[in-house]
Structure formats: C-alpha cells, structure tokens
Amino acid sequence: MQQPDLSHARWRKSSLSGSGASCVEVAFVDDAIAVRDTKDREGGTLVFRHDEWRAFIGGIKSGGLDSLT
C-alpha cells in the first residue's frame, strides 16, 4: 500500500481519553486508516488497509488481544 498523504488528515482521539496525552489518534484518509501516538505525533504513523483495521477492531471487541498485556 502506498503511504497516504496525511498533511490534511483530520486526527481524532477517543472522547473517553479526556484530556490525557497517553492515547492514540486515528485518521481515516483515502482508502486507509492511520494511527499515531498523541504524545509523539512526529514519531511515526501506522497505516492500515480497511480489511486490516476491521480485523484489528474485531480482535479487540472479541477479547482476542487481551492475552497480549
């Protein structure tokens, strides 16, 4: 997948995170979903295809990633 242009991305973070800086931000750009660390916005971005993102969210919702902690 080609890296999407993130220069005009609209970054969002969960309203449940409040004003804390220990969270991630997500942007839906073109045919991809980008994720970055709120406290290190210039530190890099992960980019997922839609099918990868759905699998990731599905794993979270089903508890399939709980054993990673």
C-alpha atoms as a PDB file:
ATOM      1  CA  MET A   1       0.000   0.000   0.000  1.00  0.00           C
ATOM      2  CA  GLN A   2       1.251   3.436  -0.873  1.00  0.00           C
ATOM      3  CA  GLN A   3       1.588   5.823   2.074  1.00  0.00           C
ATOM      4  CA  PRO A   4      -1.420   8.188   2.021  1.00  0.00           C
ATOM      5  CA  ASP A   5      -0.994  11.955   2.154  1.00  0.00           C
ATOM      6  CA  LEU A   6      -1.542  12.801   5.826  1.00  0.00           C
ATOM      7  CA  SER A   7      -0.885  16.532   5.534  1.00  0.00           C
ATOM      8  CA  HIS A   8      -4.615  17.330   5.740  1.00  0.00           C
ATOM      9  CA  ALA A   9      -5.681  14.370   7.885  1.00  0.00           C
ATOM     10  CA  ARG A  10      -8.364  15.014  10.472  1.00  0.00           C
ATOM     11  CA  TRP A  11      -6.992  13.284  13.560  1.00  0.00           C
ATOM     12  CA  ARG A  12      -9.367  12.094  16.273  1.00  0.00           C
ATOM     13  CA  LYS A  13      -8.923  10.530  19.669  1.00  0.00           C
ATOM     14  CA  SER A  14     -11.465   8.808  21.840  1.00  0.00           C
ATOM     15  CA  SER A  15     -13.673  11.056  23.921  1.00  0.00           C
ATOM     16  CA  LEU A  16     -13.076   8.531  26.724  1.00  0.00           C
ATOM     17  CA  SER A  17      -9.419   9.571  26.885  1.00  0.00           C
ATOM     18  CA  GLY A  18     -10.358  13.001  28.258  1.00  0.00           C
ATOM     19  CA  SER A  19      -7.521  15.494  28.187  1.00  0.00           C
ATOM     20  CA  GLY A  20      -4.847  12.863  28.806  1.00  0.00           C
ATOM     21  CA  ALA A  21      -1.908  12.511  26.451  1.00  0.00           C
ATOM     22  CA  SER A  22      -1.483   8.736  26.822  1.00  0.00           C
ATOM     23  CA  CYS A  23      -3.597   7.642  23.899  1.00  0.00           C
ATOM     24  CA  VAL A  24      -3.583   7.255  20.164  1.00  0.00           C
ATOM     25  CA  GLU A  25      -5.193   9.298  17.416  1.00  0.00           C
ATOM     26  CA  VAL A  26      -6.855   7.876  14.319  1.00  0.00           C
ATOM     27  CA  ALA A  27      -7.427   9.442  10.897  1.00  0.00           C
ATOM     28  CA  PHE A  28      -9.454   7.996   8.027  1.00  0.00           C
ATOM     29  CA  VAL A  29      -7.634   9.051   4.862  1.00  0.00           C
ATOM     30  CA  ASP A  30      -8.382   7.882   1.326  1.00  0.00           C
ATOM     31  CA  ASP A  31      -8.510   4.081   1.429  1.00  0.00           C
ATOM     32  CA  ALA A  32      -6.577   3.775   4.684  1.00  0.00           C
ATOM     33  CA  ILE A  33      -6.688   4.270   8.418  1.00  0.00           C
ATOM     34  CA  ALA A  34      -3.716   5.985  10.067  1.00  0.00           C
ATOM     35  CA  VAL A  35      -2.807   5.731  13.757  1.00  0.00           C
ATOM     36  CA  ARG A  36      -0.283   7.796  15.726  1.00  0.00           C
ATOM     37  CA  ASP A  37       0.766   8.367  19.331  1.00  0.00           C
ATOM     38  CA  THR A  38      -0.772  11.533  20.791  1.00  0.00           C
ATOM     39  CA  LYS A  39       2.308  12.427  22.840  1.00  0.00           C
ATOM     40  CA  ASP A  40       4.732  11.825  19.918  1.00  0.00           C
ATOM     41  CA  ARG A  41       2.866  12.970  16.828  1.00  0.00           C
ATOM     42  CA  GLU A  42       6.033  13.256  14.748  1.00  0.00           C
ATOM     43  CA  GLY A  43       7.295   9.836  15.866  1.00  0.00           C
ATOM     44  CA  GLY A  44       5.710   7.856  13.057  1.00  0.00           C
ATOM     45  CA  THR A  45       2.360   6.615  11.864  1.00  0.00           C
ATOM     46  CA  LEU A  46       0.933   3.147  11.360  1.00  0.00           C
ATOM     47  CA  VAL A  47      -1.229   2.776   8.263  1.00  0.00           C
ATOM     48  CA  PHE A  48      -3.815   0.022   7.846  1.00  0.00           C
ATOM     49  CA  ARG A  49      -5.965  -1.110   4.925  1.00  0.00           C
ATOM     50  CA  HIS A  50      -9.692  -1.248   5.725  1.00  0.00           C
ATOM     51  CA  ASP A  51      -9.700  -5.064   5.988  1.00  0.00           C
ATOM     52  CA  GLU A  52      -6.732  -4.972   8.384  1.00  0.00           C
ATOM     53  CA  TRP A  53      -8.446  -2.325  10.510  1.00  0.00           C
ATOM     54  CA  ARG A  54     -11.692  -4.339  10.674  1.00  0.00           C
ATOM     55  CA  ALA A  55      -9.723  -7.426  11.770  1.00  0.00           C
ATOM     56  CA  PHE A  56      -7.892  -5.401  14.435  1.00  0.00           C
ATOM     57  CA  ILE A  57     -11.092  -3.854  15.830  1.00  0.00           C
ATOM     58  CA  GLY A  58     -12.819  -7.258  15.670  1.00  0.00           C
ATOM     59  CA  GLY A  59      -9.978  -8.758  17.697  1.00  0.00           C
ATOM     60  CA  ILE A  60     -10.323  -6.052  20.332  1.00  0.00           C
ATOM     61  CA  LYS A  61     -14.090  -6.446  20.591  1.00  0.00           C
ATOM     62  CA  SER A  62     -13.903 -10.240  20.887  1.00  0.00           C
ATOM     63  CA  GLY A  63     -11.206 -10.084  23.582  1.00  0.00           C
ATOM     64  CA  GLY A  64      -8.763 -11.812  21.266  1.00  0.00           C
ATOM     65  CA  LEU A  65      -5.998  -9.345  22.097  1.00  0.00           C
ATOM     66  CA  ASP A  66      -6.405  -9.480  25.896  1.00  0.00           C
ATOM     67  CA  SER A  67      -3.580 -12.004  26.266  1.00  0.00           C
ATOM     68  CA  LEU A  68      -1.077  -9.502  24.834  1.00  0.00           C
ATOM     69  CA  THR A  69      -0.950  -7.462  28.033  1.00  0.00           C
END
